[in-house]
C-alpha atoms as a PDB file:
ATOM      1  CA  MET A   1     -13.921 -29.442  12.705  1.00  0.00           C
ATOM      2  CA  PHE A   2     -11.096 -27.010  12.130  1.00  0.00           C
ATOM      3  CA  SER A   3      -7.642 -26.213  13.457  1.00  0.00           C
ATOM      4  CA  ILE A   4      -5.629 -22.985  13.669  1.00  0.00           C
ATOM      5  CA  GLU A   5      -1.829 -22.868  13.567  1.00  0.00           C
ATOM      6  CA  HIS A   6       0.479 -19.849  13.661  1.00  0.00           C
ATOM      7  CA  GLU A   7       3.595 -20.018  11.478  1.00  0.00           C
ATOM      8  CA  PHE A   8       6.382 -17.468  11.021  1.00  0.00           C
ATOM      9  CA  ASP A   9       4.704 -15.550   8.181  1.00  0.00           C
ATOM     10  CA  SER A  10       1.124 -16.809   8.158  1.00  0.00           C
ATOM     11  CA  THR A  11      -1.781 -18.280  10.071  1.00  0.00           C
ATOM     12  CA  ILE A  12      -3.096 -21.589   8.750  1.00  0.00           C
ATOM     13  CA  VAL A  13      -6.712 -22.633   9.214  1.00  0.00           C
ATOM     14  CA  THR A  14      -7.485 -26.233   8.232  1.00  0.00           C
ATOM     15  CA  LEU A  15     -11.105 -27.228   7.625  1.00  0.00           C
ATOM     16  CA  VAL A  16     -11.949 -30.934   7.999  1.00  0.00           C
ATOM     17  CA  ASP A  17     -15.141 -32.178   6.321  1.00  0.00           C
ATOM     18  CA  GLU A  18     -16.765 -34.403   8.941  1.00  0.00           C
ATOM     19  CA  GLY A  19     -19.836 -36.468   8.337  1.00  0.00           C
ATOM     20  CA  SER A  20     -21.102 -39.755   7.035  1.00  0.00           C
ATOM     21  CA  ALA A  21     -21.873 -38.815   3.420  1.00  0.00           C
ATOM     22  CA  HIS A  22     -19.612 -37.606   0.562  1.00  0.00           C
ATOM     23  CA  LEU A  23     -16.671 -36.174   2.498  1.00  0.00           C
ATOM     24  CA  GLN A  24     -14.326 -33.788   0.721  1.00  0.00           C
ATOM     25  CA  GLU A  25     -10.572 -33.465   1.223  1.00  0.00           C
ATOM     26  CA  ASP A  26      -9.306 -31.100   3.953  1.00  0.00           C
ATOM     27  CA  ILE A  27      -8.937 -27.444   3.012  1.00  0.00           C
ATOM     28  CA  ALA A  28      -5.925 -25.422   4.185  1.00  0.00           C
ATOM     29  CA  ILE A  29      -6.378 -21.648   4.310  1.00  0.00           C
ATOM     30  CA  ASN A  30      -3.119 -19.704   4.619  1.00  0.00           C
ATOM     31  CA  LEU A  31      -3.562 -16.121   5.823  1.00  0.00           C
ATOM     32  CA  PHE A  32      -0.614 -13.926   4.853  1.00  0.00           C
ATOM     33  CA  GLU A  33      -0.170 -10.177   5.297  1.00  0.00           C
ATOM     34  CA  ASP A  34      -1.146  -9.378   1.684  1.00  0.00           C
ATOM     35  CA  CYS A  35      -3.165 -12.375   0.448  1.00  0.00           C
ATOM     36  CA  ILE A  36      -4.974 -15.558   1.391  1.00  0.00           C
ATOM     37  CA  THR A  37      -4.365 -18.921  -0.262  1.00  0.00           C
ATOM     38  CA  ILE A  38      -6.772 -21.844  -0.231  1.00  0.00           C
ATOM     39  CA  GLU A  39      -5.381 -25.332  -0.916  1.00  0.00           C
ATOM     40  CA  GLN A  40      -7.088 -28.693  -1.363  1.00  0.00           C
ATOM     41  CA  LEU A  41      -5.796 -32.056  -2.555  1.00  0.00           C
ATOM     42  CA  ASP A  42      -7.452 -33.292  -5.751  1.00  0.00           C
ATOM     43  CA  PRO A  43      -7.621 -37.061  -5.201  1.00  0.00           C
ATOM     44  CA  ARG A  44      -8.089 -37.694  -8.947  1.00  0.00           C
ATOM     45  CA  THR A  45      -4.721 -36.140  -9.845  1.00  0.00           C
ATOM     46  CA  ASP A  46      -3.026 -36.441  -6.432  1.00  0.00           C
ATOM     47  CA  LYS A  47      -2.034 -32.762  -6.744  1.00  0.00           C
ATOM     48  CA  VAL A  48      -2.788 -29.852  -4.434  1.00  0.00           C
ATOM     49  CA  GLU A  49      -4.890 -27.159  -6.107  1.00  0.00           C
ATOM     50  CA  LYS A  50      -4.274 -23.586  -4.915  1.00  0.00           C
ATOM     51  CA  ILE A  51      -6.375 -20.435  -5.186  1.00  0.00           C
ATOM     52  CA  THR A  52      -4.998 -17.029  -4.167  1.00  0.00           C
ATOM     53  CA  LEU A  53      -7.313 -14.249  -3.000  1.00  0.00           C
ATOM     54  CA  SER A  54      -6.352 -10.619  -2.513  1.00  0.00           C
ATOM     55  CA  MET A  55      -7.367  -9.166   0.829  1.00  0.00           C
ATOM     56  CA  ARG A  56     -10.118  -7.210  -0.969  1.00  0.00           C
ATOM     57  CA  GLN A  57     -11.502 -10.432  -2.504  1.00  0.00           C
ATOM     58  CA  ALA A  58     -11.466 -12.080   0.926  1.00  0.00           C
ATOM     59  CA  GLU A  59     -13.364  -9.129   2.420  1.00  0.00           C
ATOM     60  CA  ASP A  60     -15.933  -9.359  -0.383  1.00  0.00           C
ATOM     61  CA  LEU A  61     -16.323 -13.098   0.207  1.00  0.00           C
ATOM     62  CA  ALA A  62     -16.862 -12.556   3.931  1.00  0.00           C
ATOM     63  CA  ALA A  63     -19.519  -9.921   3.202  1.00  0.00           C
ATOM     64  CA  ALA A  64     -21.211 -12.159   0.617  1.00  0.00           C
ATOM     65  CA  LEU A  65     -21.729 -14.981   3.100  1.00  0.00           C
ATOM     66  CA  ASP A  66     -24.426 -12.971   4.908  1.00  0.00           C
ATOM     67  CA  LEU A  67     -26.263 -11.442   1.939  1.00  0.00           C
ATOM     68  CA  PRO A  68     -29.173 -12.607  -0.227  1.00  0.00           C
ATOM     69  CA  GLU A  69     -28.874 -13.187  -3.981  1.00  0.00           C
ATOM     70  CA  GLY A  70     -27.880 -10.095  -5.958  1.00  0.00           C
ATOM     71  CA  VAL A  71     -24.988  -7.946  -7.175  1.00  0.00           C
ATOM     72  CA  TYR A  72     -23.245  -5.729  -4.641  1.00  0.00           C
ATOM     73  CA  VAL A  73     -20.501  -3.121  -4.419  1.00  0.00           C
ATOM     74  CA  VAL A  74     -18.791  -2.894  -1.039  1.00  0.00           C
ATOM     75  CA  ALA A  75     -18.222   0.687   0.119  1.00  0.00           C
ATOM     76  CA  ARG A  76     -14.658   1.126   1.334  1.00  0.00           C
ATOM     77  CA  ASP A  77     -12.586   3.888   2.829  1.00  0.00           C
ATOM     78  CA  ASP A  78      -9.495   3.605   0.597  1.00  0.00           C
ATOM     79  CA  THR A  79      -7.664   6.438   2.338  1.00  0.00           C
ATOM     80  CA  ALA A  80      -6.022   4.109   4.848  1.00  0.00           C
END
């Protein structure tokens, strides 16, 4: 299950791990104009861990989800 919320400066996608076995904490993905942050509560420390991706890293991740094992370079038009 997931939810989508629109805030003033970002869109927040929350992923909820549903199922009967070994559920993980919810993940909040904040989509800003220039970066994407991914946050998840670490129940061992009771702190939220945050990872920040550049837009280029996010594009690479999206491309990687549909590719087989290997090393790739994404061709980009950097003139825009």
